[in-house]
Amino acid sequence: MTYASIMVSVDLGTQARHRVHLAAHLADDFRARLIGVAAEESSYAVPPVGPIPASAYALAANNEIILADLKRAHTVFEAAVGGRSRVEWRSNLDFPLPFLIGQAAAADLIVAGRKPESGPLLCSVDPGDLVMHLGRPVLVVPPDTDHLDVRRVAVGWKNTREARRAIRDALPFLSRASRVIVVSIDDVQSADDTADAIGFLQAHDIDAVAIRRETHGAPTAQVLVEAASEQAADLLVVGAYGHGRLREWVFGGVTRDLLAGAPLCCLMSH
């Protein structure tokens, strides 16, 4: 159980270097290749009457600016990965989300940053969009985090398709952890619900224990993060819940809250 190929989204934000550094160390741990990805689309639109010499010149100039931005992103990537040999860079004049989706077939795991509160960054991708579209697990990295030593892992568990997929996608992390905690929140189902998850992990030679927490009116995401913190977890594994509405993803409360403010790395699958 391993990740043979790890992909990291690179933008021009201040956190990109930390994120690439973390992804590079994960690639070392799993002996995986590391792929950096960045894309940006032209903000210049050709007039509806058709291209004219001036508009063609403006478009070319705009593309030169974008190529310079992508070169800056590549420089950030190269500086953070150092002299590692199994690295690859992919970039293009394209919208960031569809470009990354198109590249994701090459990776087992995608590393992305949290959506910035100040608005979109150049080359940035919304991690929620990635989780819902990629068909790959996404590791969402909080700000100022440049390393992930997965010694203890908390799994937010509910017997749903999303949670089952998340726990399966996280097996390479779980198999290396010294302690795995399966956390159920206000679970009104039978004890066999958690028991089956524990049995699945034990079948993969992963020693895991189950704990249950009540919300007492607090947001579920907060209770889940508090349970992970109590167990000194380095990583939180959860299923991402949402549905499409008018071409936008509407997330469940737990997924939305974790994407917005979880203080530890979260591995999410949909």
Protein backbone atom coordinates (compact mmCIF):
# COMPACT_ATOMS: atom_id res chain seq x y z
CA MET A 1 0.00 0.00 0.00
CA THR A 2 1.65 3.16 -1.19
CA TYR A 3 1.29 6.31 -3.23
CA ALA A 4 3.51 5.91 -6.29
CA SER A 5 2.79 9.37 -7.67
CA ILE A 6 1.92 12.57 -5.79
CA MET A 7 0.69 15.74 -7.49
CA VAL A 8 0.80 19.19 -5.90
CA SER A 9 -1.12 22.28 -6.98
CA VAL A 10 1.19 25.30 -7.20
CA ASP A 11 -0.09 28.87 -7.17
CA LEU A 12 1.47 32.29 -6.59
CA GLY A 13 0.31 32.60 -2.98
CA THR A 14 2.61 32.82 0.02
CA GLN A 15 1.70 29.28 1.12
CA ALA A 16 2.74 27.53 -2.10
CA ARG A 17 6.33 26.95 -1.01
CA HIS A 18 5.19 25.33 2.27
CA ARG A 19 2.76 23.09 0.40
CA VAL A 20 5.33 21.93 -2.14
CA HIS A 21 7.84 21.29 0.65
CA LEU A 22 5.28 19.08 2.42
CA ALA A 23 4.45 17.22 -0.79
CA ALA A 24 8.14 16.66 -1.51
CA HIS A 25 8.69 15.09 1.91
CA LEU A 26 5.68 12.84 1.36
CA ALA A 27 7.16 11.80 -1.98
CA ASP A 28 10.37 10.91 -0.14
CA ASP A 29 8.48 8.88 2.46
CA PHE A 30 6.55 6.91 -0.16
CA ARG A 31 9.39 6.83 -2.70
CA ALA A 32 6.99 8.42 -5.13
CA ARG A 33 7.48 10.76 -8.04
CA LEU A 34 6.32 14.32 -7.47
CA ILE A 35 4.42 16.30 -10.10
CA GLY A 36 3.94 20.04 -9.80
CA VAL A 37 0.97 21.53 -11.64
CA ALA A 38 -0.01 25.12 -12.44
CA ALA A 39 -2.26 26.77 -14.99
CA GLU A 40 -3.71 30.20 -15.66
CA GLU A 41 -6.10 31.40 -18.34
CA SER A 42 -5.99 34.70 -20.15
CA SER A 43 -8.20 37.39 -18.65
CA TYR A 44 -8.27 39.20 -21.99
CA ALA A 45 -11.32 38.53 -24.17
CA VAL A 46 -11.33 39.04 -27.93
CA PRO A 47 -14.07 41.53 -28.90
CA PRO A 48 -17.28 39.91 -30.21
CA VAL A 49 -16.84 41.60 -33.59
CA GLY A 50 -13.75 39.49 -34.12
CA PRO A 51 -10.00 39.93 -33.70
CA ILE A 52 -8.35 43.08 -34.91
CA PRO A 53 -4.62 43.91 -34.96
CA ALA A 54 -4.86 45.77 -31.65
CA SER A 55 -6.75 42.95 -29.93
CA ALA A 56 -4.33 40.35 -31.26
CA TYR A 57 -1.44 42.37 -29.86
CA ALA A 58 -3.20 42.75 -26.49
CA LEU A 59 -3.91 39.01 -26.34
CA ALA A 60 -0.29 38.16 -27.09
CA ALA A 61 0.89 40.60 -24.43
CA ASN A 62 -1.53 39.12 -21.92
CA ASN A 63 -0.31 35.62 -22.71
CA GLU A 64 3.26 36.75 -22.11
CA ILE A 65 2.22 37.93 -18.64
CA ILE A 66 0.62 34.57 -17.92
CA LEU A 67 3.69 32.68 -19.12
CA ALA A 68 5.76 34.80 -16.76
CA ASP A 69 3.40 33.89 -13.90
CA LEU A 70 3.72 30.19 -14.73
CA LYS A 71 7.49 30.57 -14.81
CA ARG A 72 7.33 32.10 -11.31
CA ALA A 73 5.24 29.14 -10.12
CA HIS A 74 7.79 26.75 -11.63
CA THR A 75 10.58 28.59 -9.79
CA VAL A 76 8.70 28.18 -6.49
CA PHE A 77 8.30 24.47 -7.21
CA GLU A 78 11.96 23.94 -8.11
CA ALA A 79 13.18 25.83 -5.04
CA ALA A 80 10.98 23.81 -2.70
CA VAL A 81 11.83 20.37 -4.13
CA GLY A 82 15.55 21.03 -4.03
CA GLY A 83 17.73 18.53 -5.84
CA ARG A 84 15.23 15.67 -5.89
CA SER A 85 15.38 13.64 -9.08
CA ARG A 86 11.92 12.11 -9.46
CA VAL A 87 10.09 15.36 -10.12
CA GLU A 88 8.05 16.66 -13.04
CA TRP A 89 6.50 20.01 -13.92
CA ARG A 90 3.27 20.50 -15.88
CA SER A 91 1.78 23.88 -16.76
CA ASN A 92 -0.35 25.43 -19.47
CA LEU A 93 -2.41 28.41 -20.57
CA ASP A 94 -5.69 27.02 -19.28
CA PHE A 95 -8.20 27.37 -16.48
CA PRO A 96 -6.59 25.88 -13.33
CA LEU A 97 -9.37 23.44 -12.37
CA PRO A 98 -9.93 21.66 -15.72
CA PHE A 99 -6.18 21.54 -16.34
CA LEU A 100 -5.51 19.85 -13.00
CA ILE A 101 -8.43 17.48 -13.52
CA GLY A 102 -6.91 16.50 -16.85
CA GLN A 103 -3.56 15.75 -15.22
CA ALA A 104 -4.95 13.84 -12.22
CA ALA A 105 -4.91 10.48 -13.98
CA ALA A 106 -1.13 10.50 -13.41
CA ALA A 107 -1.37 10.69 -9.59
CA ASP A 108 -2.52 8.64 -6.62
CA LEU A 109 -2.81 11.65 -4.33
CA ILE A 110 -3.35 15.38 -4.92
CA VAL A 111 -1.97 17.96 -2.46
CA ALA A 112 -3.78 21.31 -2.42
CA GLY A 113 -4.01 24.38 -0.23
CA ARG A 114 -7.00 25.80 1.56
CA LYS A 115 -9.15 28.29 -0.34
CA PRO A 116 -7.72 31.74 0.50
CA GLU A 117 -10.01 34.06 2.46
CA SER A 118 -8.87 37.07 0.44
CA GLY A 119 -10.14 35.66 -2.84
CA PRO A 120 -8.68 33.62 -5.72
CA LEU A 121 -4.94 33.63 -6.24
CA LEU A 122 -3.20 33.35 -9.58
CA CYS A 123 -3.07 29.67 -10.59
CA SER A 124 -5.07 28.65 -7.49
CA VAL A 125 -7.68 25.89 -7.37
CA ASP A 126 -10.56 25.56 -4.91
CA PRO A 127 -9.87 22.33 -2.96
CA GLY A 128 -13.60 21.65 -2.68
CA ASP A 129 -13.91 21.63 -6.46
CA LEU A 130 -10.95 19.27 -6.66
CA VAL A 131 -12.44 16.80 -4.17
CA MET A 132 -15.71 16.65 -6.06
CA HIS A 133 -14.31 16.35 -9.58
CA LEU A 134 -11.01 14.46 -9.45
CA GLY A 135 -11.88 10.91 -8.47
CA ARG A 136 -8.68 11.00 -6.41
CA PRO A 137 -8.04 11.67 -2.72
CA VAL A 138 -7.12 15.28 -1.98
CA LEU A 139 -4.84 16.24 0.90
CA VAL A 140 -5.91 19.74 1.99
CA VAL A 141 -3.02 21.53 3.72
CA PRO A 142 -3.72 24.36 6.20
CA PRO A 143 -1.64 27.57 6.14
CA ASP A 144 1.93 27.58 7.50
CA THR A 145 2.20 23.78 7.33
CA ASP A 146 5.27 22.47 5.53
CA HIS A 147 5.65 18.97 6.95
CA LEU A 148 3.42 16.01 7.73
CA ASP A 149 4.65 13.18 9.93
CA VAL A 150 1.75 10.77 9.96
CA ARG A 151 2.14 9.10 13.33
CA ARG A 152 -1.48 9.30 14.44
CA VAL A 153 -4.51 9.43 12.18
CA ALA A 154 -8.13 10.19 13.06
CA VAL A 155 -10.84 8.88 10.73
CA GLY A 156 -14.21 10.62 10.78
CA TRP A 157 -16.53 7.66 10.29
CA LYS A 158 -20.09 7.22 9.12
CA ASN A 159 -21.03 4.20 7.05
CA THR A 160 -21.51 6.04 3.76
CA ARG A 161 -19.99 5.71 0.30
CA GLU A 162 -17.83 8.78 0.82
CA ALA A 163 -16.42 7.61 4.15
CA ARG A 164 -15.78 4.11 2.85
CA ARG A 165 -13.89 5.51 -0.11
CA ALA A 166 -11.90 7.89 2.10
CA ILE A 167 -10.73 5.13 4.43
CA ARG A 168 -9.72 3.03 1.43
CA ASP A 169 -7.87 5.91 -0.22
CA ALA A 170 -6.02 6.63 3.04
CA LEU A 171 -4.64 3.11 3.51
CA PRO A 172 -1.05 4.10 2.62
CA PHE A 173 -1.12 6.67 5.44
CA LEU A 174 -3.02 4.41 7.84
CA SER A 175 -0.64 1.50 7.35
CA ARG A 176 2.29 3.68 8.43
CA ALA A 177 0.63 5.26 11.45
CA SER A 178 1.40 4.09 14.97
CA ARG A 179 -2.18 4.78 16.07
CA VAL A 180 -5.46 5.03 14.16
CA ILE A 181 -8.63 6.33 15.80
CA VAL A 182 -12.03 5.87 14.17
CA VAL A 183 -14.29 8.66 15.41
CA SER A 184 -18.08 8.50 15.16
CA ILE A 185 -20.17 11.54 16.02
CA ASP A 186 -23.66 11.08 17.52
CA ASP A 187 -23.83 7.67 15.88
CA VAL A 188 -27.35 6.32 16.35
CA GLN A 189 -26.68 3.19 14.33
CA SER A 190 -25.65 -0.11 15.79
CA ALA A 191 -22.19 -0.72 17.18
CA ASP A 192 -21.52 -2.96 14.18
CA ASP A 193 -21.25 0.19 12.04
CA THR A 194 -17.93 1.15 13.61
CA ALA A 195 -17.00 -2.48 14.20
CA ASP A 196 -16.96 -3.16 10.47
CA ALA A 197 -14.63 -0.22 9.85
CA ILE A 198 -12.30 -1.45 12.59
CA GLY A 199 -12.45 -4.97 11.15
CA PHE A 200 -11.61 -3.66 7.67
CA LEU A 201 -8.52 -1.89 8.99
CA GLN A 202 -7.43 -4.91 11.05
CA ALA A 203 -7.71 -7.06 7.93
CA HIS A 204 -5.07 -4.74 6.46
CA ASP A 205 -2.86 -5.23 9.56
CA ILE A 206 -3.77 -1.77 10.89
CA ASP A 207 -4.36 -1.54 14.62
CA ALA A 208 -7.31 0.81 15.16
CA VAL A 209 -9.63 1.77 17.99
CA ALA A 210 -13.06 3.39 17.92
CA ILE A 211 -14.26 6.35 19.95
CA ARG A 212 -17.61 8.12 19.98
CA ARG A 213 -18.33 11.78 20.60
CA GLU A 214 -21.56 13.70 21.19
CA THR A 215 -21.96 17.16 19.72
CA HIS A 216 -24.05 18.69 22.52
CA GLY A 217 -25.12 21.36 20.05
CA ALA A 218 -21.61 22.17 18.77
CA PRO A 219 -20.81 21.98 15.03
CA THR A 220 -19.91 18.44 14.04
CA ALA A 221 -16.68 19.56 12.36
CA GLN A 222 -15.57 21.26 15.57
CA VAL A 223 -16.24 18.12 17.61
CA LEU A 224 -14.40 16.00 15.08
CA VAL A 225 -11.36 18.30 15.11
CA GLU A 226 -11.39 18.38 18.92
CA ALA A 227 -11.46 14.57 19.04
CA ALA A 228 -8.52 14.43 16.62
CA SER A 229 -6.60 16.99 18.70
CA GLU A 230 -7.24 15.04 21.91
CA GLN A 231 -5.61 12.02 20.25
CA ALA A 232 -2.69 14.15 18.96
CA ALA A 233 -3.62 13.20 15.40
CA ASP A 234 -1.46 14.55 12.57
CA LEU A 235 -4.04 13.79 9.88
CA LEU A 236 -7.83 13.70 9.65
CA VAL A 237 -9.43 11.38 7.08
CA VAL A 238 -13.01 12.16 6.04
CA GLY A 239 -15.46 11.63 3.25
CA ALA A 240 -16.49 14.81 1.41
CA TYR A 241 -20.24 15.28 1.10
CA GLY A 242 -21.92 17.52 -1.43
CA HIS A 243 -24.18 17.69 -4.46
CA GLY A 244 -24.22 19.72 -7.62
CA ARG A 245 -26.67 22.60 -7.93
CA LEU A 246 -26.64 25.00 -10.90
CA ARG A 247 -23.10 23.84 -11.76
CA GLU A 248 -21.85 24.66 -8.25
CA TRP A 249 -21.08 22.25 -5.45
CA VAL A 250 -23.17 22.68 -2.33
CA PHE A 251 -21.29 21.06 0.53
CA GLY A 252 -22.63 19.49 3.66
CA GLY A 253 -21.87 21.45 6.82
CA VAL A 254 -19.02 19.23 8.02
CA THR A 255 -17.20 19.25 4.68
CA ARG A 256 -17.66 23.00 4.28
CA ASP A 257 -16.37 23.75 7.78
CA LEU A 258 -13.34 21.48 7.46
CA LEU A 259 -12.41 22.95 4.08
CA ALA A 260 -12.65 26.44 5.53
CA GLY A 261 -10.82 26.08 8.79
CA ALA A 262 -9.46 22.70 9.84
CA PRO A 263 -6.17 23.29 11.70
CA LEU A 264 -4.64 20.00 10.60
CA CYS A 265 -4.17 18.29 7.25
CA CYS A 266 -7.32 16.61 5.96
CA LEU A 267 -7.44 13.80 3.46
CA MET A 268 -10.79 13.97 1.67
CA SER A 269 -12.46 11.67 -0.85
CA HIS A 270 -15.81 11.87 -2.55
